[in-house]
C-alpha atoms as a PDB file:
ATOM      1  CA  MET A   1      95.334  43.924  93.288  1.00  0.00           C
ATOM      2  CA  ARG A   2      97.339  46.165  95.592  1.00  0.00           C
ATOM      3  CA  GLU A   3     100.505  44.561  96.962  1.00  0.00           C
ATOM      4  CA  VAL A   4     100.052  42.621 100.213  1.00  0.00           C
ATOM      5  CA  ALA A   5     103.212  41.844 102.211  1.00  0.00           C
ATOM      6  CA  LEU A   6     103.271  38.096 102.861  1.00  0.00           C
ATOM      7  CA  ALA A   7     105.617  35.686 104.612  1.00  0.00           C
ATOM      8  CA  TRP A   8     105.485  31.955 104.005  1.00  0.00           C
ATOM      9  CA  GLY A   9     107.304  28.681 104.501  1.00  0.00           C
ATOM     10  CA  ALA A  10     106.940  25.025 103.530  1.00  0.00           C
ATOM     11  CA  ALA A  11     108.295  21.622 104.536  1.00  0.00           C
ATOM     12  CA  THR A  12     107.688  18.024 103.494  1.00  0.00           C
ATOM     13  CA  ASP A  13     108.930  14.566 104.488  1.00  0.00           C
ATOM     14  CA  THR A  14     108.399  11.063 103.126  1.00  0.00           C
ATOM     15  CA  GLY A  15     107.661   9.636 106.573  1.00  0.00           C
ATOM     16  CA  GLN A  16     107.688   5.841 106.597  1.00  0.00           C
ATOM     17  CA  ARG A  17     106.507   5.576 102.997  1.00  0.00           C
ATOM     18  CA  ALA A  18     108.821   4.476 100.193  1.00  0.00           C
ATOM     19  CA  GLU A  19     107.963   7.551  98.098  1.00  0.00           C
ATOM     20  CA  ASN A  20     106.717  11.059  98.789  1.00  0.00           C
ATOM     21  CA  GLN A  21     103.463  11.474  96.865  1.00  0.00           C
ATOM     22  CA  ASP A  22     102.777  14.905  98.387  1.00  0.00           C
ATOM     23  CA  SER A  23     103.483  18.054  96.398  1.00  0.00           C
ATOM     24  CA  PHE A  24     103.198  21.676  97.472  1.00  0.00           C
ATOM     25  CA  LEU A  25     103.137  25.180  96.061  1.00  0.00           C
ATOM     26  CA  ALA A  26     104.199  28.339  97.881  1.00  0.00           C
ATOM     27  CA  ARG A  27     104.145  30.969  95.169  1.00  0.00           C
ATOM     28  CA  PRO A  28     102.087  34.113  95.752  1.00  0.00           C
ATOM     29  CA  PRO A  29      99.209  34.455  95.351  1.00  0.00           C
ATOM     30  CA  VAL A  30      98.604  30.677  95.595  1.00  0.00           C
ATOM     31  CA  PHE A  31      99.632  28.341  98.430  1.00  0.00           C
ATOM     32  CA  ALA A  32      98.602  24.702  98.172  1.00  0.00           C
ATOM     33  CA  VAL A  33      99.239  21.091  99.177  1.00  0.00           C
ATOM     34  CA  ALA A  34      98.304  18.058  97.056  1.00  0.00           C
ATOM     35  CA  ASP A  35      98.343  14.495  98.410  1.00  0.00           C
ATOM     36  CA  GLY A  36      98.510  11.929  95.604  1.00  0.00           C
ATOM     37  CA  MET A  37      97.031   8.450  95.451  1.00  0.00           C
ATOM     38  CA  GLY A  38      97.384   5.548  93.040  1.00  0.00           C
ATOM     39  CA  GLY A  39      99.625   2.615  92.158  1.00  0.00           C
ATOM     40  CA  HIS A  40     103.328   2.879  91.381  1.00  0.00           C
ATOM     41  CA  ALA A  41     104.242   6.467  90.412  1.00  0.00           C
ATOM     42  CA  ALA A  42     100.653   7.488  89.661  1.00  0.00           C
ATOM     43  CA  GLY A  43     100.002   9.247  92.973  1.00  0.00           C
ATOM     44  CA  ARG A  44     103.158  11.289  92.775  1.00  0.00           C
ATOM     45  CA  GLN A  45     102.425  12.291  89.196  1.00  0.00           C
ATOM     46  CA  ALA A  46      98.848  13.281  90.039  1.00  0.00           C
ATOM     47  CA  SER A  47      99.900  15.628  92.837  1.00  0.00           C
ATOM     48  CA  VAL A  48     102.637  17.134  90.665  1.00  0.00           C
ATOM     49  CA  VAL A  49     100.177  17.756  87.816  1.00  0.00           C
ATOM     50  CA  ALA A  50      97.781  19.555  90.174  1.00  0.00           C
ATOM     51  CA  VAL A  51     100.492  21.744  91.658  1.00  0.00           C
ATOM     52  CA  GLU A  52     101.989  22.564  88.264  1.00  0.00           C
ATOM     53  CA  ARG A  53      98.578  23.753  87.062  1.00  0.00           C
ATOM     54  CA  LEU A  54      98.224  26.051  90.081  1.00  0.00           C
ATOM     55  CA  ALA A  55     101.813  27.249  89.634  1.00  0.00           C
ATOM     56  CA  ARG A  56     101.000  28.401  86.102  1.00  0.00           C
ATOM     57  CA  THR A  57      98.001  30.219  87.541  1.00  0.00           C
ATOM     58  CA  ALA A  58     100.237  31.991  90.052  1.00  0.00           C
ATOM     59  CA  ASP A  59     102.688  32.951  87.299  1.00  0.00           C
ATOM     60  CA  ALA A  60      99.879  34.431  85.213  1.00  0.00           C
ATOM     61  CA  VAL A  61      98.836  36.640  88.114  1.00  0.00           C
ATOM     62  CA  THR A  62     102.365  37.950  88.563  1.00  0.00           C
ATOM     63  CA  ASP A  63     102.253  38.959  84.886  1.00  0.00           C
ATOM     64  CA  GLY A  64      99.603  41.522  85.755  1.00  0.00           C
ATOM     65  CA  THR A  65      96.248  39.754  85.694  1.00  0.00           C
ATOM     66  CA  SER A  66      94.001  39.286  88.734  1.00  0.00           C
ATOM     67  CA  LEU A  67      92.838  35.941  90.063  1.00  0.00           C
ATOM     68  CA  THR A  68      89.117  35.543  90.747  1.00  0.00           C
ATOM     69  CA  VAL A  69      87.211  32.795  92.542  1.00  0.00           C
ATOM     70  CA  GLU A  70      85.737  31.545  89.291  1.00  0.00           C
ATOM     71  CA  GLY A  71      89.192  31.611  87.704  1.00  0.00           C
ATOM     72  CA  LEU A  72      90.517  29.539  90.602  1.00  0.00           C
ATOM     73  CA  ARG A  73      87.662  27.049  90.252  1.00  0.00           C
ATOM     74  CA  GLN A  74      88.361  26.746  86.529  1.00  0.00           C
ATOM     75  CA  GLU A  75      92.028  25.999  87.163  1.00  0.00           C
ATOM     76  CA  ILE A  76      91.129  23.258  89.660  1.00  0.00           C
ATOM     77  CA  ARG A  77      88.763  21.751  87.085  1.00  0.00           C
ATOM     78  CA  GLY A  78      91.613  22.018  84.597  1.00  0.00           C
ATOM     79  CA  ALA A  79      93.906  20.146  86.991  1.00  0.00           C
ATOM     80  CA  ASP A  80      91.271  17.412  87.222  1.00  0.00           C
ATOM     81  CA  ASP A  81      91.237  17.150  83.416  1.00  0.00           C
ATOM     82  CA  ASP A  82      95.059  17.183  83.239  1.00  0.00           C
ATOM     83  CA  ILE A  83      95.300  14.269  85.676  1.00  0.00           C
ATOM     84  CA  ARG A  84      92.755  12.213  83.730  1.00  0.00           C
ATOM     85  CA  ARG A  85      94.689  12.811  80.506  1.00  0.00           C
ATOM     86  CA  ALA A  86      97.958  11.863  82.203  1.00  0.00           C
ATOM     87  CA  ALA A  87      96.383   8.669  83.546  1.00  0.00           C
ATOM     88  CA  SER A  88      95.415   7.616  80.044  1.00  0.00           C
ATOM     89  CA  THR A  89      99.098   7.597  79.022  1.00  0.00           C
ATOM     90  CA  LEU A  90     100.330   5.420  81.904  1.00  0.00           C
ATOM     91  CA  GLY A  91     100.485   1.646  81.875  1.00  0.00           C
ATOM     92  CA  ASP A  92      99.288   1.336  85.480  1.00  0.00           C
ATOM     93  CA  ALA A  93      97.314   4.330  86.693  1.00  0.00           C
ATOM     94  CA  ARG A  94      94.655   2.560  88.723  1.00  0.00           C
ATOM     95  CA  GLY A  95      93.143   5.020  91.188  1.00  0.00           C
ATOM     96  CA  MET A  96      95.403   7.865  90.022  1.00  0.00           C
ATOM     97  CA  GLY A  97      94.230  11.016  91.737  1.00  0.00           C
ATOM     98  CA  THR A  98      95.048  13.619  94.335  1.00  0.00           C
ATOM     99  CA  THR A  99      93.562  15.791  97.013  1.00  0.00           C
ATOM    100  CA  VAL A 100      94.300  19.496  96.907  1.00  0.00           C
ATOM    101  CA  ALA A 101      93.853  22.251  99.476  1.00  0.00           C
ATOM    102  CA  GLY A 102      95.092  25.774  99.791  1.00  0.00           C
ATOM    103  CA  VAL A 103      94.580  29.501 100.051  1.00  0.00           C
ATOM    104  CA  ALA A 104      94.803  32.067  97.284  1.00  0.00           C
ATOM    105  CA  LEU A 105      94.620  35.848  97.194  1.00  0.00           C
ATOM    106  CA  VAL A 106      91.792  36.712  94.838  1.00  0.00           C
ATOM    107  CA  GLU A 107      90.127  39.895  93.644  1.00  0.00           C
ATOM    108  CA  GLN A 108      86.342  40.012  93.877  1.00  0.00           C
ATOM    109  CA  PRO A 109      84.320  42.959  92.493  1.00  0.00           C
ATOM    110  CA  GLU A 110      82.109  43.106  95.578  1.00  0.00           C
ATOM    111  CA  HIS A 111      84.835  42.414  98.148  1.00  0.00           C
ATOM    112  CA  GLY A 112      88.149  43.586  96.673  1.00  0.00           C
ATOM    113  CA  ALA A 113      91.142  41.538  97.762  1.00  0.00           C
ATOM    114  CA  CYS A 114      90.310  38.519  99.914  1.00  0.00           C
ATOM    115  CA  TRP A 115      91.492  35.013 100.684  1.00  0.00           C
ATOM    116  CA  ALA A 116      89.883  32.101  98.869  1.00  0.00           C
ATOM    117  CA  VAL A 117      90.234  28.953 100.970  1.00  0.00           C
ATOM    118  CA  PHE A 118      89.763  25.936  98.688  1.00  0.00           C
ATOM    119  CA  HIS A 119      89.934  22.160  98.995  1.00  0.00           C
ATOM    120  CA  VAL A 120      89.048  18.848  97.405  1.00  0.00           C
ATOM    121  CA  GLY A 121      89.554  15.734  99.559  1.00  0.00           C
ATOM    122  CA  ASP A 122      90.951  15.485 103.085  1.00  0.00           C
ATOM    123  CA  SER A 123      93.998  17.734 102.972  1.00  0.00           C
ATOM    124  CA  ARG A 124      93.186  20.574 105.342  1.00  0.00           C
ATOM    125  CA  VAL A 125      93.338  24.334 105.798  1.00  0.00           C
ATOM    126  CA  TYR A 126      93.544  25.880 109.267  1.00  0.00           C
ATOM    127  CA  LEU A 127      93.568  29.490 110.441  1.00  0.00           C
ATOM    128  CA  LEU A 128      95.351  30.642 113.589  1.00  0.00           C
ATOM    129  CA  GLY A 129      94.095  33.989 114.864  1.00  0.00           C
ATOM    130  CA  GLU A 130      92.864  35.698 117.991  1.00  0.00           C
ATOM    131  CA  GLU A 131      90.110  33.110 118.310  1.00  0.00           C
ATOM    132  CA  GLY A 132      92.646  30.263 118.308  1.00  0.00           C
ATOM    133  CA  LEU A 133      93.031  27.512 115.737  1.00  0.00           C
ATOM    134  CA  VAL A 134      90.042  27.007 113.418  1.00  0.00           C
ATOM    135  CA  GLN A 135      89.750  24.279 110.800  1.00  0.00           C
ATOM    136  CA  LEU A 136      88.404  26.035 107.715  1.00  0.00           C
ATOM    137  CA  SER A 137      88.044  22.982 105.467  1.00  0.00           C
ATOM    138  CA  THR A 138      85.730  20.024 105.991  1.00  0.00           C
ATOM    139  CA  ASP A 139      87.166  16.660 104.957  1.00  0.00           C
ATOM    140  CA  HIS A 140      85.609  15.019 101.925  1.00  0.00           C
ATOM    141  CA  SER A 141      85.906  11.579 103.495  1.00  0.00           C
ATOM    142  CA  VAL A 142      83.875   8.566 104.548  1.00  0.00           C
ATOM    143  CA  VAL A 143      84.471   9.150 108.254  1.00  0.00           C
ATOM    144  CA  GLN A 144      83.535  12.849 108.024  1.00  0.00           C
ATOM    145  CA  GLU A 145      80.198  11.820 106.544  1.00  0.00           C
ATOM    146  CA  LEU A 146      79.725   9.454 109.494  1.00  0.00           C
ATOM    147  CA  VAL A 147      80.553  12.307 111.881  1.00  0.00           C
ATOM    148  CA  ASP A 148      78.127  14.642 110.095  1.00  0.00           C
ATOM    149  CA  MET A 149      75.360  12.034 110.428  1.00  0.00           C
ATOM    150  CA  GLY A 150      76.081  11.669 114.138  1.00  0.00           C
ATOM    151  CA  MET A 151      77.060   8.014 113.785  1.00  0.00           C
ATOM    152  CA  ILE A 152      80.565   8.406 115.229  1.00  0.00           C
ATOM    153  CA  SER A 153      82.416  11.069 117.217  1.00  0.00           C
ATOM    154  CA  ALA A 154      85.296  13.190 115.927  1.00  0.00           C
ATOM    155  CA  ALA A 155      87.589  11.284 118.305  1.00  0.00           C
ATOM    156  CA  ALA A 156      86.458   7.953 116.841  1.00  0.00           C
ATOM    157  CA  ALA A 157      86.935   9.309 113.320  1.00  0.00           C
ATOM    158  CA  ALA A 158      90.613  10.014 114.060  1.00  0.00           C
ATOM    159  CA  VAL A 159      91.320   6.286 114.552  1.00  0.00           C
ATOM    160  CA  HIS A 160      88.668   4.802 112.258  1.00  0.00           C
ATOM    161  CA  PRO A 161      90.038   2.128 109.854  1.00  0.00           C
ATOM    162  CA  GLN A 162      88.430   3.951 106.898  1.00  0.00           C
ATOM    163  CA  ARG A 163      89.694   7.402 107.841  1.00  0.00           C
ATOM    164  CA  HIS A 164      91.871   7.613 104.698  1.00  0.00           C
ATOM    165  CA  LEU A 165      89.023   6.930 102.253  1.00  0.00           C
ATOM    166  CA  VAL A 166      88.125  10.156 100.471  1.00  0.00           C
ATOM    167  CA  THR A 167      84.803  10.836  98.787  1.00  0.00           C
ATOM    168  CA  ARG A 168      86.100  13.556  96.470  1.00  0.00           C
ATOM    169  CA  ALA A 169      89.435  13.870  94.656  1.00  0.00           C
ATOM    170  CA  LEU A 170      90.926  15.204  91.443  1.00  0.00           C
ATOM    171  CA  GLY A 171      91.368  12.649  88.676  1.00  0.00           C
ATOM    172  CA  VAL A 172      89.054   9.913  89.971  1.00  0.00           C
ATOM    173  CA  GLY A 173      85.272   9.503  90.076  1.00  0.00           C
ATOM    174  CA  PRO A 174      82.977  12.323  88.913  1.00  0.00           C
ATOM    175  CA  GLN A 175      84.608  15.664  88.141  1.00  0.00           C
ATOM    176  CA  ALA A 176      85.328  17.180  91.531  1.00  0.00           C
ATOM    177  CA  GLU A 177      84.288  20.706  92.424  1.00  0.00           C
ATOM    178  CA  ALA A 178      86.342  22.517  95.026  1.00  0.00           C
ATOM    179  CA  ASP A 179      84.699  23.917  98.131  1.00  0.00           C
ATOM    180  CA  VAL A 180      85.657  27.607  98.407  1.00  0.00           C
ATOM    181  CA  LEU A 181      85.361  29.922 101.408  1.00  0.00           C
ATOM    182  CA  LEU A 182      86.097  33.663 101.228  1.00  0.00           C
ATOM    183  CA  LEU A 183      87.806  35.462 104.120  1.00  0.00           C
ATOM    184  CA  PRO A 184      89.051  39.035 104.574  1.00  0.00           C
ATOM    185  CA  VAL A 185      92.757  39.796 104.289  1.00  0.00           C
ATOM    186  CA  GLU A 186      93.925  40.727 107.779  1.00  0.00           C
ATOM    187  CA  PRO A 187      97.485  41.026 109.135  1.00  0.00           C
ATOM    188  CA  GLY A 188      98.792  38.769 111.887  1.00  0.00           C
ATOM    189  CA  ARG A 189      96.830  35.626 111.059  1.00  0.00           C
ATOM    190  CA  ARG A 190      98.554  32.423 109.988  1.00  0.00           C
ATOM    191  CA  PHE A 191      97.137  29.876 107.573  1.00  0.00           C
ATOM    192  CA  LEU A 192      98.268  26.255 107.655  1.00  0.00           C
ATOM    193  CA  VAL A 193      97.713  24.019 104.640  1.00  0.00           C
ATOM    194  CA  CYS A 194      98.651  20.385 105.239  1.00  0.00           C
ATOM    195  CA  SER A 195      98.281  16.794 104.115  1.00  0.00           C
ATOM    196  CA  ASP A 196      96.642  14.195 106.329  1.00  0.00           C
ATOM    197  CA  GLY A 197     100.053  12.836 107.247  1.00  0.00           C
ATOM    198  CA  LEU A 198     100.341  15.797 109.633  1.00  0.00           C
ATOM    199  CA  THR A 199      96.852  15.696 111.117  1.00  0.00           C
ATOM    200  CA  GLY A 200      97.112  11.935 111.504  1.00  0.00           C
ATOM    201  CA  GLU A 201      99.966  12.417 113.988  1.00  0.00           C
ATOM    202  CA  LEU A 202      99.227  15.738 115.718  1.00  0.00           C
ATOM    203  CA  GLU A 203      96.050  16.828 117.458  1.00  0.00           C
ATOM    204  CA  ASP A 204      94.670  20.296 116.823  1.00  0.00           C
ATOM    205  CA  GLY A 205      95.794  21.608 120.223  1.00  0.00           C
ATOM    206  CA  GLU A 206      99.402  20.705 119.519  1.00  0.00           C
ATOM    207  CA  ILE A 207      99.219  22.085 115.995  1.00  0.00           C
ATOM    208  CA  ALA A 208      97.941  25.373 117.435  1.00  0.00           C
ATOM    209  CA  ARG A 209     100.778  25.584 119.954  1.00  0.00           C
ATOM    210  CA  LEU A 210     103.536  24.783 117.462  1.00  0.00           C
ATOM    211  CA  LEU A 211     102.075  27.175 114.901  1.00  0.00           C
ATOM    212  CA  ALA A 212     101.805  30.009 117.427  1.00  0.00           C
ATOM    213  CA  ASP A 213     105.220  29.493 119.044  1.00  0.00           C
ATOM    214  CA  ALA A 214     107.237  29.492 115.810  1.00  0.00           C
ATOM    215  CA  GLU A 215     109.098  32.691 115.023  1.00  0.00           C
ATOM    216  CA  ASP A 216     108.123  32.737 111.357  1.00  0.00           C
ATOM    217  CA  PRO A 217     106.165  30.647 108.830  1.00  0.00           C
ATOM    218  CA  GLN A 218     109.199  28.655 107.654  1.00  0.00           C
ATOM    219  CA  ALA A 219     110.075  27.715 111.218  1.00  0.00           C
ATOM    220  CA  ALA A 220     106.439  26.769 111.829  1.00  0.00           C
ATOM    221  CA  ALA A 221     106.237  24.511 108.773  1.00  0.00           C
ATOM    222  CA  GLY A 222     109.547  22.842 109.607  1.00  0.00           C
ATOM    223  CA  THR A 223     108.643  22.243 113.245  1.00  0.00           C
ATOM    224  CA  LEU A 224     105.239  20.814 112.438  1.00  0.00           C
ATOM    225  CA  VAL A 225     106.605  18.347 109.898  1.00  0.00           C
ATOM    226  CA  ARG A 226     109.585  17.380 112.045  1.00  0.00           C
ATOM    227  CA  THR A 227     107.361  16.738 115.071  1.00  0.00           C
ATOM    228  CA  ALA A 228     105.049  14.480 113.053  1.00  0.00           C
ATOM    229  CA  VAL A 229     108.004  12.542 111.645  1.00  0.00           C
ATOM    230  CA  ASP A 230     109.542  12.152 115.100  1.00  0.00           C
ATOM    231  CA  ARG A 231     106.255  10.542 116.162  1.00  0.00           C
ATOM    232  CA  GLY A 232     106.807   7.894 113.502  1.00  0.00           C
ATOM    233  CA  ALA A 233     104.595   9.308 110.747  1.00  0.00           C
ATOM    234  CA  SER A 234     103.348   6.403 108.657  1.00  0.00           C
ATOM    235  CA  ASP A 235     102.376   8.691 105.771  1.00  0.00           C
ATOM    236  CA  ASN A 236     103.971  11.546 103.853  1.00  0.00           C
ATOM    237  CA  VAL A 237     103.831  14.816 105.803  1.00  0.00           C
ATOM    238  CA  THR A 238     103.602  18.268 104.212  1.00  0.00           C
ATOM    239  CA  ALA A 239     102.858  21.715 105.622  1.00  0.00           C
ATOM    240  CA  VAL A 240     102.653  25.168 104.048  1.00  0.00           C
ATOM    241  CA  VAL A 241     102.292  28.180 106.355  1.00  0.00           C
ATOM    242  CA  VAL A 242     101.491  31.704 105.161  1.00  0.00           C
ATOM    243  CA  GLU A 243     100.663  34.932 106.938  1.00  0.00           C
ATOM    244  CA  VAL A 244      99.942  38.540 106.048  1.00  0.00           C
ATOM    245  CA  ARG A 245     102.629  40.807 107.453  1.00  0.00           C
ATOM    246  CA  GLU A 246     101.328  44.139 106.218  1.00  0.00           C
ATOM    247  CA  LEU A 247      98.483  45.574 104.201  1.00  0.00           C
ATOM    248  CA  PRO A 248      99.015  48.349 101.667  1.00  0.00           C
ATOM    249  CA  SER A 249      98.042  51.861 102.703  1.00  0.00           C
ATOM    250  CA  ALA A 250      94.715  53.179 101.475  1.00  0.00           C
ATOM    251  CA  GLU A 251      96.423  56.065  99.704  1.00  0.00           C
END
């Protein structure tokens, strides 16, 4: 894969929780957020296991191999297996699991270099471009299913008492497959990957404004997290922002 000039930034905060069970990765070519769940330290460990698996994937790419969509899917399945094995060694790992969402630069034979947007659960991926802010991921959650069936509105889903119940996660239930969307690599666009602690406090319009107004990705991530925390975030809050600064020449 020809070198793509990227800029990125990340921020996280515990919010009003006793422990931060979010983990993140900002290591080209993979950028991800994992939001853990489970009793005691299980949630934190689950998110760390998922991120560590993706970090090893990123390191392998820097050693000269290319990442493909199928390779990315296999690593996410591997993270699912790793979490289940870790749970079997803990005394209290009831409900140990994690969401994961992110973007990765992959090489596809028919497309060349492109972004793979992936997610399992309700952590989200957004894209800010000329068309404004677009949510690229669709929550794997109870309330999203109700929205899809037309039973409740998106506004009602945002305050629904079951809005935190996910229908797909790594480490719990059936083995979870990641949804993957391929997008072209274009300069000037910003991706936001975040846990639901951010989207639970900030509406999309405000996220778009803060993301657009920030001078660089690190400033954007910091401002988004700080704003959510200042609102009294009841959950952990994590944001990773990445953008393409320059594409390699065709020569």
